[in-house]
Amino acid sequence: MDTQQFMRFMAAWALVHETADEGWKSAVERGRAQAAGEMADGGPEAFVDGLSAMIAEETERLKAALAEGGVEGASKAEVAERLDELAFEVGELRGRIETLQASIDALDASRDASHDSVRDE
């Protein structure tokens, strides 16, 4: 890949992220402008906008906590331990999802096999 192709690729990547960021900012603003109850009653778009606004508020709280030197007074060792616990839980969830996918694949294969045997009869 020459330099021009690489720069074109990076520009496209940046454009995708910029577009997504603008969409995110718009959703946050729409969510902040919602009336009480509109998130639940306004359909899927209103729900996403409201959720985006809530996530943005939590992100700001997290940034403030991190800027103050910690997360709710937790020590670095406590944060590291909690991250290890979360990594373990994510691994467990991934294993369960893979098991579910294997079960779905087996059921699908079984269904296909039964359909094939019915056709053969």
PDB file of N, CA and C in Angstrom:
ATOM      1  N   MET A   1       0.865  -1.174   0.000  1.00  0.00           N
ATOM      2  CA  MET A   1       0.000   0.000   0.000  1.00  0.00           C
ATOM      3  C   MET A   1       0.906   1.230   0.000  1.00  0.00           C
ATOM      4  N   ASP A   2       0.696   2.109  -0.948  1.00  0.00           N
ATOM      5  CA  ASP A   2       1.524   3.315  -0.983  1.00  0.00           C
ATOM      6  C   ASP A   2       0.954   4.367  -0.033  1.00  0.00           C
ATOM      7  N   THR A   3       1.690   5.434   0.140  1.00  0.00           N
ATOM      8  CA  THR A   3       1.322   6.482   1.085  1.00  0.00           C
ATOM      9  C   THR A   3      -0.017   7.110   0.742  1.00  0.00           C
ATOM     10  N   GLN A   4      -0.266   7.343  -0.533  1.00  0.00           N
ATOM     11  CA  GLN A   4      -1.527   7.959  -0.944  1.00  0.00           C
ATOM     12  C   GLN A   4      -2.718   7.064  -0.597  1.00  0.00           C
ATOM     13  N   GLN A   5      -2.597   5.759  -0.839  1.00  0.00           N
ATOM     14  CA  GLN A   5      -3.678   4.829  -0.500  1.00  0.00           C
ATOM     15  C   GLN A   5      -3.896   4.793   1.010  1.00  0.00           C
ATOM     16  N   PHE A   6      -2.801   4.797   1.757  1.00  0.00           N
ATOM     17  CA  PHE A   6      -2.907   4.775   3.215  1.00  0.00           C
ATOM     18  C   PHE A   6      -3.608   6.035   3.724  1.00  0.00           C
ATOM     19  N   MET A   7      -3.225   7.183   3.196  1.00  0.00           N
ATOM     20  CA  MET A   7      -3.840   8.442   3.627  1.00  0.00           C
ATOM     21  C   MET A   7      -5.322   8.466   3.262  1.00  0.00           C
ATOM     22  N   ARG A   8      -5.661   7.931   2.106  1.00  0.00           N
ATOM     23  CA  ARG A   8      -7.068   7.863   1.683  1.00  0.00           C
ATOM     24  C   ARG A   8      -7.860   6.968   2.633  1.00  0.00           C
ATOM     25  N   PHE A   9      -7.271   5.831   3.001  1.00  0.00           N
ATOM     26  CA  PHE A   9      -7.918   4.921   3.938  1.00  0.00           C
ATOM     27  C   PHE A   9      -8.131   5.608   5.286  1.00  0.00           C
ATOM     28  N   MET A  10      -7.092   6.270   5.794  1.00  0.00           N
ATOM     29  CA  MET A  10      -7.203   6.940   7.093  1.00  0.00           C
ATOM     30  C   MET A  10      -8.228   8.070   7.041  1.00  0.00           C
ATOM     31  N   ALA A  11      -8.297   8.786   5.926  1.00  0.00           N
ATOM     32  CA  ALA A  11      -9.289   9.848   5.780  1.00  0.00           C
ATOM     33  C   ALA A  11     -10.703   9.276   5.791  1.00  0.00           C
ATOM     34  N   ALA A  12     -10.892   8.150   5.123  1.00  0.00           N
ATOM     35  CA  ALA A  12     -12.207   7.500   5.124  1.00  0.00           C
ATOM     36  C   ALA A  12     -12.573   7.030   6.522  1.00  0.00           C
ATOM     37  N   TRP A  13     -11.613   6.466   7.223  1.00  0.00           N
ATOM     38  CA  TRP A  13     -11.838   6.013   8.598  1.00  0.00           C
ATOM     39  C   TRP A  13     -12.223   7.185   9.489  1.00  0.00           C
ATOM     40  N   ALA A  14     -11.502   8.309   9.353  1.00  0.00           N
ATOM     41  CA  ALA A  14     -11.802   9.498  10.151  1.00  0.00           C
ATOM     42  C   ALA A  14     -13.191  10.036   9.823  1.00  0.00           C
ATOM     43  N   LEU A  15     -13.554   9.999   8.559  1.00  0.00           N
ATOM     44  CA  LEU A  15     -14.872  10.485   8.141  1.00  0.00           C
ATOM     45  C   LEU A  15     -15.988   9.640   8.755  1.00  0.00           C
ATOM     46  N   VAL A  16     -15.799   8.342   8.766  1.00  0.00           N
ATOM     47  CA  VAL A  16     -16.803   7.461   9.385  1.00  0.00           C
ATOM     48  C   VAL A  16     -16.969   7.809  10.860  1.00  0.00           C
ATOM     49  N   HIS A  17     -15.859   7.994  11.553  1.00  0.00           N
ATOM     50  CA  HIS A  17     -15.936   8.313  12.981  1.00  0.00           C
ATOM     51  C   HIS A  17     -16.508   9.706  13.219  1.00  0.00           C
ATOM     52  N   GLU A  18     -16.166  10.639  12.367  1.00  0.00           N
ATOM     53  CA  GLU A  18     -16.714  11.977  12.505  1.00  0.00           C
ATOM     54  C   GLU A  18     -18.227  11.965  12.303  1.00  0.00           C
ATOM     55  N   THR A  19     -18.679  11.222  11.308  1.00  0.00           N
ATOM     56  CA  THR A  19     -20.113  11.107  11.042  1.00  0.00           C
ATOM     57  C   THR A  19     -20.831  10.455  12.222  1.00  0.00           C
ATOM     58  N   ALA A  20     -20.242   9.393  12.743  1.00  0.00           N
ATOM     59  CA  ALA A  20     -20.838   8.724  13.904  1.00  0.00           C
ATOM     60  C   ALA A  20     -20.867   9.657  15.102  1.00  0.00           C
ATOM     61  N   ASP A  21     -19.800  10.425  15.293  1.00  0.00           N
ATOM     62  CA  ASP A  21     -19.733  11.351  16.413  1.00  0.00           C
ATOM     63  C   ASP A  21     -20.807  12.431  16.286  1.00  0.00           C
ATOM     64  N   GLU A  22     -21.008  12.929  15.081  1.00  0.00           N
ATOM     65  CA  GLU A  22     -22.050  13.942  14.868  1.00  0.00           C
ATOM     66  C   GLU A  22     -23.437  13.356  15.139  1.00  0.00           C
ATOM     67  N   GLY A  23     -23.645  12.106  14.708  1.00  0.00           N
ATOM     68  CA  GLY A  23     -24.914  11.438  14.991  1.00  0.00           C
ATOM     69  C   GLY A  23     -25.130  11.256  16.476  1.00  0.00           C
ATOM     70  N   TRP A  24     -24.061  10.894  17.187  1.00  0.00           N
ATOM     71  CA  TRP A  24     -24.128  10.720  18.643  1.00  0.00           C
ATOM     72  C   TRP A  24     -24.479  12.044  19.310  1.00  0.00           C
ATOM     73  N   LYS A  25     -23.795  13.108  18.922  1.00  0.00           N
ATOM     74  CA  LYS A  25     -24.060  14.421  19.514  1.00  0.00           C
ATOM     75  C   LYS A  25     -25.505  14.849  19.269  1.00  0.00           C
ATOM     76  N   SER A  26     -26.005  14.588  18.076  1.00  0.00           N
ATOM     77  CA  SER A  26     -27.389  14.939  17.759  1.00  0.00           C
ATOM     78  C   SER A  26     -28.367  14.146  18.616  1.00  0.00           C
ATOM     79  N   ALA A  27     -28.097  12.853  18.788  1.00  0.00           N
ATOM     80  CA  ALA A  27     -28.974  12.017  19.620  1.00  0.00           C
ATOM     81  C   ALA A  27     -28.966  12.498  21.059  1.00  0.00           C
ATOM     82  N   VAL A  28     -27.798  12.871  21.562  1.00  0.00           N
ATOM     83  CA  VAL A  28     -27.699  13.378  22.944  1.00  0.00           C
ATOM     84  C   VAL A  28     -28.522  14.651  23.091  1.00  0.00           C
ATOM     85  N   GLU A  29     -28.381  15.568  22.154  1.00  0.00           N
ATOM     86  CA  GLU A  29     -29.131  16.824  22.221  1.00  0.00           C
ATOM     87  C   GLU A  29     -30.639  16.587  22.140  1.00  0.00           C
ATOM     88  N   ARG A  30     -31.060  15.705  21.238  1.00  0.00           N
ATOM     89  CA  ARG A  30     -32.491  15.397  21.151  1.00  0.00           C
ATOM     90  C   ARG A  30     -32.978  14.754  22.448  1.00  0.00           C
ATOM     91  N   GLY A  31     -32.163  13.887  23.023  1.00  0.00           N
ATOM     92  CA  GLY A  31     -32.534  13.235  24.273  1.00  0.00           C
ATOM     93  C   GLY A  31     -32.647  14.213  25.429  1.00  0.00           C
ATOM     94  N   ARG A  32     -31.727  15.177  25.468  1.00  0.00           N
ATOM     95  CA  ARG A  32     -31.783  16.187  26.537  1.00  0.00           C
ATOM     96  C   ARG A  32     -33.016  17.076  26.406  1.00  0.00           C
ATOM     97  N   ALA A  33     -33.516  17.232  25.197  1.00  0.00           N
ATOM     98  CA  ALA A  33     -34.674  18.097  24.955  1.00  0.00           C
ATOM     99  C   ALA A  33     -36.010  17.379  25.191  1.00  0.00           C
ATOM    100  N   GLN A  34     -35.960  16.074  25.432  1.00  0.00           N
ATOM    101  CA  GLN A  34     -37.199  15.320  25.610  1.00  0.00           C
ATOM    102  C   GLN A  34     -37.917  15.707  26.900  1.00  0.00           C
ATOM    103  N   ALA A  35     -39.226  15.643  26.830  1.00  0.00           N
ATOM    104  CA  ALA A  35     -40.052  15.843  28.022  1.00  0.00           C
ATOM    105  C   ALA A  35     -40.057  14.544  28.825  1.00  0.00           C
ATOM    106  N   ALA A  36     -40.409  14.643  30.092  1.00  0.00           N
ATOM    107  CA  ALA A  36     -40.478  13.460  30.955  1.00  0.00           C
ATOM    108  C   ALA A  36     -41.442  12.446  30.355  1.00  0.00           C
ATOM    109  N   GLY A  37     -41.022  11.194  30.298  1.00  0.00           N
ATOM    110  CA  GLY A  37     -41.855  10.120  29.780  1.00  0.00           C
ATOM    111  C   GLY A  37     -41.775   9.938  28.278  1.00  0.00           C
ATOM    112  N   GLU A  38     -41.196  10.893  27.583  1.00  0.00           N
ATOM    113  CA  GLU A  38     -41.134  10.800  26.124  1.00  0.00           C
ATOM    114  C   GLU A  38     -40.219   9.671  25.674  1.00  0.00           C
ATOM    115  N   MET A  39     -39.194   9.362  26.467  1.00  0.00           N
ATOM    116  CA  MET A  39     -38.263   8.290  26.108  1.00  0.00           C
ATOM    117  C   MET A  39     -39.008   6.963  25.994  1.00  0.00           C
ATOM    118  N   ALA A  40     -39.884   6.702  26.934  1.00  0.00           N
ATOM    119  CA  ALA A  40     -40.604   5.428  26.951  1.00  0.00           C
ATOM    120  C   ALA A  40     -41.761   5.405  25.956  1.00  0.00           C
ATOM    121  N   ASP A  41     -42.390   6.547  25.745  1.00  0.00           N
ATOM    122  CA  ASP A  41     -43.600   6.570  24.925  1.00  0.00           C
ATOM    123  C   ASP A  41     -43.379   7.051  23.501  1.00  0.00           C
ATOM    124  N   GLY A  42     -42.186   7.502  23.177  1.00  0.00           N
ATOM    125  CA  GLY A  42     -41.949   8.124  21.883  1.00  0.00           C
ATOM    126  C   GLY A  42     -41.436   7.199  20.804  1.00  0.00           C
ATOM    127  N   GLY A  43     -41.378   5.913  21.067  1.00  0.00           N
ATOM    128  CA  GLY A  43     -40.913   4.978  20.058  1.00  0.00           C
ATOM    129  C   GLY A  43     -39.415   4.730  20.139  1.00  0.00           C
ATOM    130  N   PRO A  44     -38.905   3.914  19.228  1.00  0.00           N
ATOM    131  CA  PRO A  44     -37.496   3.513  19.273  1.00  0.00           C
ATOM    132  C   PRO A  44     -36.517   4.680  19.161  1.00  0.00           C
ATOM    133  N   GLU A  45     -36.793   5.650  18.290  1.00  0.00           N
ATOM    134  CA  GLU A  45     -35.872   6.770  18.123  1.00  0.00           C
ATOM    135  C   GLU A  45     -35.790   7.602  19.394  1.00  0.00           C
ATOM    136  N   ALA A  46     -36.945   7.848  20.022  1.00  0.00           N
ATOM    137  CA  ALA A  46     -36.969   8.617  21.262  1.00  0.00           C
ATOM    138  C   ALA A  46     -36.239   7.862  22.373  1.00  0.00           C
ATOM    139  N   PHE A  47     -36.389   6.547  22.388  1.00  0.00           N
ATOM    140  CA  PHE A  47     -35.690   5.747  23.396  1.00  0.00           C
ATOM    141  C   PHE A  47     -34.181   5.869  23.219  1.00  0.00           C
ATOM    142  N   VAL A  48     -33.696   5.723  21.982  1.00  0.00           N
ATOM    143  CA  VAL A  48     -32.257   5.815  21.710  1.00  0.00           C
ATOM    144  C   VAL A  48     -31.739   7.203  22.063  1.00  0.00           C
ATOM    145  N   ASP A  49     -32.501   8.241  21.730  1.00  0.00           N
ATOM    146  CA  ASP A  49     -32.081   9.601  22.052  1.00  0.00           C
ATOM    147  C   ASP A  49     -31.991   9.798  23.565  1.00  0.00           C
ATOM    148  N   GLY A  50     -33.002   9.332  24.287  1.00  0.00           N
ATOM    149  CA  GLY A  50     -32.986   9.462  25.743  1.00  0.00           C
ATOM    150  C   GLY A  50     -31.852   8.674  26.371  1.00  0.00           C
ATOM    151  N   LEU A  51     -31.644   7.464  25.883  1.00  0.00           N
ATOM    152  CA  LEU A  51     -30.551   6.640  26.387  1.00  0.00           C
ATOM    153  C   LEU A  51     -29.210   7.300  26.107  1.00  0.00           C
ATOM    154  N   SER A  52     -29.050   7.875  24.926  1.00  0.00           N
ATOM    155  CA  SER A  52     -27.815   8.567  24.580  1.00  0.00           C
ATOM    156  C   SER A  52     -27.550   9.721  25.538  1.00  0.00           C
ATOM    157  N   ALA A  53     -28.587  10.476  25.861  1.00  0.00           N
ATOM    158  CA  ALA A  53     -28.441  11.595  26.802  1.00  0.00           C
ATOM    159  C   ALA A  53     -28.023  11.095  28.182  1.00  0.00           C
ATOM    160  N   MET A  54     -28.626   9.996  28.638  1.00  0.00           N
ATOM    161  CA  MET A  54     -28.265   9.447  29.949  1.00  0.00           C
ATOM    162  C   MET A  54     -26.824   8.963  29.959  1.00  0.00           C
ATOM    163  N   ILE A  55     -26.397   8.307  28.889  1.00  0.00           N
ATOM    164  CA  ILE A  55     -25.022   7.810  28.795  1.00  0.00           C
ATOM    165  C   ILE A  55     -24.048   8.985  28.775  1.00  0.00           C
ATOM    166  N   ALA A  56     -24.401  10.048  28.050  1.00  0.00           N
ATOM    167  CA  ALA A  56     -23.532  11.229  27.995  1.00  0.00           C
ATOM    168  C   ALA A  56     -23.366  11.851  29.379  1.00  0.00           C
ATOM    169  N   GLU A  57     -24.450  11.902  30.146  1.00  0.00           N
ATOM    170  CA  GLU A  57     -24.366  12.441  31.515  1.00  0.00           C
ATOM    171  C   GLU A  57     -23.453  11.582  32.376  1.00  0.00           C
ATOM    172  N   GLU A  58     -23.589  10.275  32.272  1.00  0.00           N
ATOM    173  CA  GLU A  58     -22.738   9.373  33.056  1.00  0.00           C
ATOM    174  C   GLU A  58     -21.277   9.488  32.613  1.00  0.00           C
ATOM    175  N   THR A  59     -21.060   9.677  31.305  1.00  0.00           N
ATOM    176  CA  THR A  59     -19.702   9.858  30.783  1.00  0.00           C
ATOM    177  C   THR A  59     -19.067  11.106  31.380  1.00  0.00           C
ATOM    178  N   GLU A  60     -19.833  12.176  31.474  1.00  0.00           N
ATOM    179  CA  GLU A  60     -19.307  13.411  32.072  1.00  0.00           C
ATOM    180  C   GLU A  60     -18.967  13.207  33.544  1.00  0.00           C
ATOM    181  N   ARG A  61     -19.814  12.481  34.272  1.00  0.00           N
ATOM    182  CA  ARG A  61     -19.520  12.196  35.688  1.00  0.00           C
ATOM    183  C   ARG A  61     -18.253  11.364  35.814  1.00  0.00           C
ATOM    184  N   LEU A  62     -18.091  10.373  34.934  1.00  0.00           N
ATOM    185  CA  LEU A  62     -16.904   9.530  34.963  1.00  0.00           C
ATOM    186  C   LEU A  62     -15.652  10.339  34.659  1.00  0.00           C
ATOM    187  N   LYS A  63     -15.715  11.206  33.644  1.00  0.00           N
ATOM    188  CA  LYS A  63     -14.560  12.044  33.314  1.00  0.00           C
ATOM    189  C   LYS A  63     -14.178  12.930  34.495  1.00  0.00           C
ATOM    190  N   ALA A  64     -15.176  13.497  35.171  1.00  0.00           N
ATOM    191  CA  ALA A  64     -14.899  14.350  36.334  1.00  0.00           C
ATOM    192  C   ALA A  64     -14.248  13.544  37.448  1.00  0.00           C
ATOM    193  N   ALA A  65     -14.751  12.337  37.684  1.00  0.00           N
ATOM    194  CA  ALA A  65     -14.183  11.487  38.732  1.00  0.00           C
ATOM    195  C   ALA A  65     -12.751  11.094  38.397  1.00  0.00           C
ATOM    196  N   LEU A  66     -12.498  10.760  37.147  1.00  0.00           N
ATOM    197  CA  LEU A  66     -11.148  10.382  36.732  1.00  0.00           C
ATOM    198  C   LEU A  66     -10.196  11.576  36.816  1.00  0.00           C
ATOM    199  N   ALA A  67     -10.692  12.760  36.471  1.00  0.00           N
ATOM    200  CA  ALA A  67      -9.859  13.958  36.532  1.00  0.00           C
ATOM    201  C   ALA A  67      -9.471  14.295  37.970  1.00  0.00           C
ATOM    202  N   GLU A  68     -10.331  13.914  38.915  1.00  0.00           N
ATOM    203  CA  GLU A  68     -10.039  14.160  40.325  1.00  0.00           C
ATOM    204  C   GLU A  68      -9.052  13.146  40.884  1.00  0.00           C
ATOM    205  N   GLY A  69      -8.685  12.153  40.081  1.00  0.00           N
ATOM    206  CA  GLY A  69      -7.657  11.212  40.513  1.00  0.00           C
ATOM    207  C   GLY A  69      -8.174   9.869  40.960  1.00  0.00           C
ATOM    208  N   GLY A  70      -9.393   9.588  40.739  1.00  0.00           N
ATOM    209  CA  GLY A  70      -9.901   8.283  41.146  1.00  0.00           C
ATOM    210  C   GLY A  70     -11.343   8.110  40.761  1.00  0.00           C
ATOM    211  N   VAL A  71     -11.818   6.945  41.024  1.00  0.00           N
ATOM    212  CA  VAL A  71     -13.209   6.634  40.760  1.00  0.00           C
ATOM    213  C   VAL A  71     -13.867   6.377  42.101  1.00  0.00           C
ATOM    214  N   GLU A  72     -14.637   7.372  42.549  1.00  0.00           N
ATOM    215  CA  GLU A  72     -15.377   7.255  43.802  1.00  0.00           C
ATOM    216  C   GLU A  72     -14.494   6.793  44.948  1.00  0.00           C
ATOM    217  N   GLY A  73     -13.288   7.332  45.030  1.00  0.00           N
ATOM    218  CA  GLY A  73     -12.402   7.033  46.149  1.00  0.00           C
ATOM    219  C   GLY A  73     -11.754   5.668  46.111  1.00  0.00           C
ATOM    220  N   ALA A  74     -11.905   4.949  45.039  1.00  0.00           N
ATOM    221  CA  ALA A  74     -11.318   3.615  44.949  1.00  0.00           C
ATOM    222  C   ALA A  74      -9.817   3.730  44.700  1.00  0.00           C
ATOM    223  N   SER A  75      -9.074   2.836  45.327  1.00  0.00           N
ATOM    224  CA  SER A  75      -7.631   2.808  45.104  1.00  0.00           C
ATOM    225  C   SER A  75      -7.346   2.151  43.762  1.00  0.00           C
ATOM    226  N   LYS A  76      -6.134   2.335  43.270  1.00  0.00           N
ATOM    227  CA  LYS A  76      -5.762   1.718  42.003  1.00  0.00           C
ATOM    228  C   LYS A  76      -5.842   0.203  42.098  1.00  0.00           C
ATOM    229  N   ALA A  77      -5.496  -0.354  43.245  1.00  0.00           N
ATOM    230  CA  ALA A  77      -5.565  -1.804  43.430  1.00  0.00           C
ATOM    231  C   ALA A  77      -7.014  -2.281  43.380  1.00  0.00           C
ATOM    232  N   GLU A  78      -7.923  -1.500  43.987  1.00  0.00           N
ATOM    233  CA  GLU A  78      -9.338  -1.869  43.961  1.00  0.00           C
ATOM    234  C   GLU A  78      -9.909  -1.795  42.544  1.00  0.00           C
ATOM    235  N   VAL A  79      -9.507  -0.767  41.811  1.00  0.00           N
ATOM    236  CA  VAL A  79      -9.968  -0.633  40.429  1.00  0.00           C
ATOM    237  C   VAL A  79      -9.431  -1.791  39.597  1.00  0.00           C
ATOM    238  N   ALA A  80      -8.146  -2.127  39.772  1.00  0.00           N
ATOM    239  CA  ALA A  80      -7.549  -3.236  39.023  1.00  0.00           C
ATOM    240  C   ALA A  80      -8.248  -4.546  39.356  1.00  0.00           C
ATOM    241  N   GLU A  81      -8.554  -4.752  40.635  1.00  0.00           N
ATOM    242  CA  GLU A  81      -9.253  -5.979  41.040  1.00  0.00           C
ATOM    243  C   GLU A  81     -10.641  -6.039  40.420  1.00  0.00           C
ATOM    244  N   ARG A  82     -11.335  -4.920  40.422  1.00  0.00           N
ATOM    245  CA  ARG A  82     -12.680  -4.875  39.840  1.00  0.00           C
ATOM    246  C   ARG A  82     -12.621  -5.127  38.330  1.00  0.00           C
ATOM    247  N   LEU A  83     -11.609  -4.570  37.658  1.00  0.00           N
ATOM    248  CA  LEU A  83     -11.454  -4.805  36.228  1.00  0.00           C
ATOM    249  C   LEU A  83     -11.186  -6.278  35.946  1.00  0.00           C
ATOM    250  N   ASP A  84     -10.389  -6.920  36.805  1.00  0.00           N
ATOM    251  CA  ASP A  84     -10.139  -8.355  36.647  1.00  0.00           C
ATOM    252  C   ASP A  84     -11.440  -9.144  36.801  1.00  0.00           C
ATOM    253  N   GLU A  85     -12.255  -8.766  37.782  1.00  0.00           N
ATOM    254  CA  GLU A  85     -13.542  -9.433  37.983  1.00  0.00           C
ATOM    255  C   GLU A  85     -14.448  -9.246  36.763  1.00  0.00           C
ATOM    256  N   LEU A  86     -14.465  -8.033  36.226  1.00  0.00           N
ATOM    257  CA  LEU A  86     -15.284  -7.769  35.046  1.00  0.00           C
ATOM    258  C   LEU A  86     -14.781  -8.558  33.843  1.00  0.00           C
ATOM    259  N   ALA A  87     -13.470  -8.649  33.693  1.00  0.00           N
ATOM    260  CA  ALA A  87     -12.906  -9.423  32.578  1.00  0.00           C
ATOM    261  C   ALA A  87     -13.317 -10.880  32.696  1.00  0.00           C
ATOM    262  N   PHE A  88     -13.311 -11.407  33.919  1.00  0.00           N
ATOM    263  CA  PHE A  88     -13.743 -12.786  34.138  1.00  0.00           C
ATOM    264  C   PHE A  88     -15.208 -12.949  33.763  1.00  0.00           C
ATOM    265  N   GLU A  89     -16.049 -12.018  34.204  1.00  0.00           N
ATOM    266  CA  GLU A  89     -17.480 -12.095  33.903  1.00  0.00           C
ATOM    267  C   GLU A  89     -17.732 -12.003  32.400  1.00  0.00           C
ATOM    268  N   VAL A  90     -17.016 -11.127  31.720  1.00  0.00           N
ATOM    269  CA  VAL A  90     -17.164 -11.015  30.267  1.00  0.00           C
ATOM    270  C   VAL A  90     -16.762 -12.333  29.605  1.00  0.00           C
ATOM    271  N   GLY A  91     -15.687 -12.940  30.100  1.00  0.00           N
ATOM    272  CA  GLY A  91     -15.265 -14.237  29.564  1.00  0.00           C
ATOM    273  C   GLY A  91     -16.336 -15.297  29.769  1.00  0.00           C
ATOM    274  N   GLU A  92     -16.955 -15.289  30.954  1.00  0.00           N
ATOM    275  CA  GLU A  92     -18.040 -16.233  31.237  1.00  0.00           C
ATOM    276  C   GLU A  92     -19.209 -16.010  30.277  1.00  0.00           C
ATOM    277  N   LEU A  93     -19.583 -14.748  30.090  1.00  0.00           N
ATOM    278  CA  LEU A  93     -20.685 -14.441  29.174  1.00  0.00           C
ATOM    279  C   LEU A  93     -20.351 -14.860  27.748  1.00  0.00           C
ATOM    280  N   ARG A  94     -19.111 -14.637  27.356  1.00  0.00           N
ATOM    281  CA  ARG A  94     -18.714 -15.041  26.006  1.00  0.00           C
ATOM    282  C   ARG A  94     -18.836 -16.552  25.846  1.00  0.00           C
ATOM    283  N   GLY A  95     -18.415 -17.297  26.872  1.00  0.00           N
ATOM    284  CA  GLY A  95     -18.533 -18.747  26.819  1.00  0.00           C
ATOM    285  C   GLY A  95     -19.981 -19.189  26.698  1.00  0.00           C
ATOM    286  N   ARG A  96     -20.845 -18.534  27.442  1.00  0.00           N
ATOM    287  CA  ARG A  96     -22.270 -18.881  27.378  1.00  0.00           C
ATOM    288  C   ARG A  96     -22.855 -18.553  26.004  1.00  0.00           C
ATOM    289  N   ILE A  97     -22.461 -17.417  25.452  1.00  0.00           N
ATOM    290  CA  ILE A  97     -22.945 -17.046  24.119  1.00  0.00           C
ATOM    291  C   ILE A  97     -22.456 -18.050  23.086  1.00  0.00           C
ATOM    292  N   GLU A  98     -21.199 -18.473  23.190  1.00  0.00           N
ATOM    293  CA  GLU A  98     -20.668 -19.459  22.244  1.00  0.00           C
ATOM    294  C   GLU A  98     -21.408 -20.784  22.383  1.00  0.00           C
ATOM    295  N   THR A  99     -21.759 -21.169  23.619  1.00  0.00           N
ATOM    296  CA  THR A  99     -22.519 -22.394  23.842  1.00  0.00           C
ATOM    297  C   THR A  99     -23.905 -22.279  23.218  1.00  0.00           C
ATOM    298  N   LEU A 100     -24.541 -21.117  23.417  1.00  0.00           N
ATOM    299  CA  LEU A 100     -25.856 -20.896  22.813  1.00  0.00           C
ATOM    300  C   LEU A 100     -25.770 -20.946  21.287  1.00  0.00           C
ATOM    301  N   GLN A 101     -24.728 -20.338  20.738  1.00  0.00           N
ATOM    302  CA  GLN A 101     -24.569 -20.347  19.285  1.00  0.00           C
ATOM    303  C   GLN A 101     -24.376 -21.772  18.786  1.00  0.00           C
ATOM    304  N   ALA A 102     -23.586 -22.563  19.510  1.00  0.00           N
ATOM    305  CA  ALA A 102     -23.376 -23.958  19.108  1.00  0.00           C
ATOM    306  C   ALA A 102     -24.687 -24.731  19.161  1.00  0.00           C
ATOM    307  N   SER A 103     -25.508 -24.468  20.179  1.00  0.00           N
ATOM    308  CA  SER A 103     -26.804 -25.134  20.282  1.00  0.00           C
ATOM    309  C   SER A 103     -27.723 -24.727  19.134  1.00  0.00           C
ATOM    310  N   ILE A 104     -27.728 -23.449  18.819  1.00  0.00           N
ATOM    311  CA  ILE A 104     -28.553 -22.964  17.711  1.00  0.00           C
ATOM    312  C   ILE A 104     -28.094 -23.590  16.404  1.00  0.00           C
ATOM    313  N   ASP A 105     -26.779 -23.634  16.198  1.00  0.00           N
ATOM    314  CA  ASP A 105     -26.243 -24.244  14.982  1.00  0.00           C
ATOM    315  C   ASP A 105     -26.630 -25.719  14.890  1.00  0.00           C
ATOM    316  N   ALA A 106     -26.570 -26.441  16.023  1.00  0.00           N
ATOM    317  CA  ALA A 106     -26.931 -27.856  16.032  1.00  0.00           C
ATOM    318  C   ALA A 106     -28.414 -28.041  15.731  1.00  0.00           C
ATOM    319  N   LEU A 107     -29.260 -27.196  16.327  1.00  0.00           N
ATOM    320  CA  LEU A 107     -30.695 -27.267  16.047  1.00  0.00           C
ATOM    321  C   LEU A 107     -30.982 -26.964  14.585  1.00  0.00           C
ATOM    322  N   ASP A 108     -30.286 -25.975  14.050  1.00  0.00           N
ATOM    323  CA  ASP A 108     -30.462 -25.618  12.648  1.00  0.00           C
ATOM    324  C   ASP A 108     -30.035 -26.767  11.737  1.00  0.00           C
ATOM    325  N   ALA A 109     -28.910 -27.375  12.053  1.00  0.00           N
ATOM    326  CA  ALA A 109     -28.437 -28.512  11.253  1.00  0.00           C
ATOM    327  C   ALA A 109     -29.407 -29.677  11.356  1.00  0.00           C
ATOM    328  N   SER A 110     -29.937 -29.909  12.558  1.00  0.00           N
ATOM    329  CA  SER A 110     -30.899 -30.986  12.764  1.00  0.00           C
ATOM    330  C   SER A 110     -32.175 -30.726  11.968  1.00  0.00           C
ATOM    331  N   ARG A 111     -32.617 -29.485  11.973  1.00  0.00           N
ATOM    332  CA  ARG A 111     -33.819 -29.109  11.222  1.00  0.00           C
ATOM    333  C   ARG A 111     -33.583 -29.306   9.728  1.00  0.00           C
ATOM    334  N   ASP A 112     -32.411 -28.865   9.256  1.00  0.00           N
ATOM    335  CA  ASP A 112     -32.092 -29.042   7.835  1.00  0.00           C
ATOM    336  C   ASP A 112     -32.042 -30.523   7.469  1.00  0.00           C
ATOM    337  N   ALA A 113     -31.470 -31.344   8.355  1.00  0.00           N
ATOM    338  CA  ALA A 113     -31.377 -32.781   8.095  1.00  0.00           C
ATOM    339  C   ALA A 113     -32.775 -33.410   8.047  1.00  0.00           C
ATOM    340  N   SER A 114     -33.658 -32.977   8.949  1.00  0.00           N
ATOM    341  CA  SER A 114     -35.012 -33.542   8.947  1.00  0.00           C
ATOM    342  C   SER A 114     -35.781 -33.115   7.696  1.00  0.00           C
ATOM    343  N   HIS A 115     -35.551 -31.866   7.247  1.00  0.00           N
ATOM    344  CA  HIS A 115     -36.195 -31.413   6.012  1.00  0.00           C
ATOM    345  C   HIS A 115     -35.672 -32.187   4.811  1.00  0.00           C
ATOM    346  N   ASP A 116     -34.389 -32.485   4.805  1.00  0.00           N
ATOM    347  CA  ASP A 116     -33.796 -33.249   3.705  1.00  0.00           C
ATOM    348  C   ASP A 116     -34.350 -34.671   3.683  1.00  0.00           C
ATOM    349  N   SER A 117     -34.527 -35.292   4.870  1.00  0.00           N
ATOM    350  CA  SER A 117     -35.041 -36.663   4.916  1.00  0.00           C
ATOM    351  C   SER A 117     -36.491 -36.725   4.503  1.00  0.00           C
ATOM    352  N   VAL A 118     -37.277 -35.679   4.810  1.00  0.00           N
ATOM    353  CA  VAL A 118     -38.665 -35.632   4.381  1.00  0.00           C
ATOM    354  C   VAL A 118     -38.745 -35.508   2.867  1.00  0.00           C
ATOM    355  N   ARG A 119     -37.855 -34.740   2.273  1.00  0.00           N
ATOM    356  CA  ARG A 119     -37.832 -34.575   0.816  1.00  0.00           C
ATOM    357  C   ARG A 119     -37.473 -35.885   0.117  1.00  0.00           C
ATOM    358  N   ASP A 120     -36.585 -36.657   0.747  1.00  0.00           N
ATOM    359  CA  ASP A 120     -36.146 -37.920   0.158  1.00  0.00           C
ATOM    360  C   ASP A 120     -37.255 -38.977   0.153  1.00  0.00           C
ATOM    361  N   GLU A 121     -38.221 -38.834   1.042  1.00  0.00           N
ATOM    362  CA  GLU A 121     -39.269 -39.853   1.146  1.00  0.00           C
ATOM    363  C   GLU A 121     -40.273 -39.739   0.092  1.00  0.00           C
TER     364      GLU A 121
END
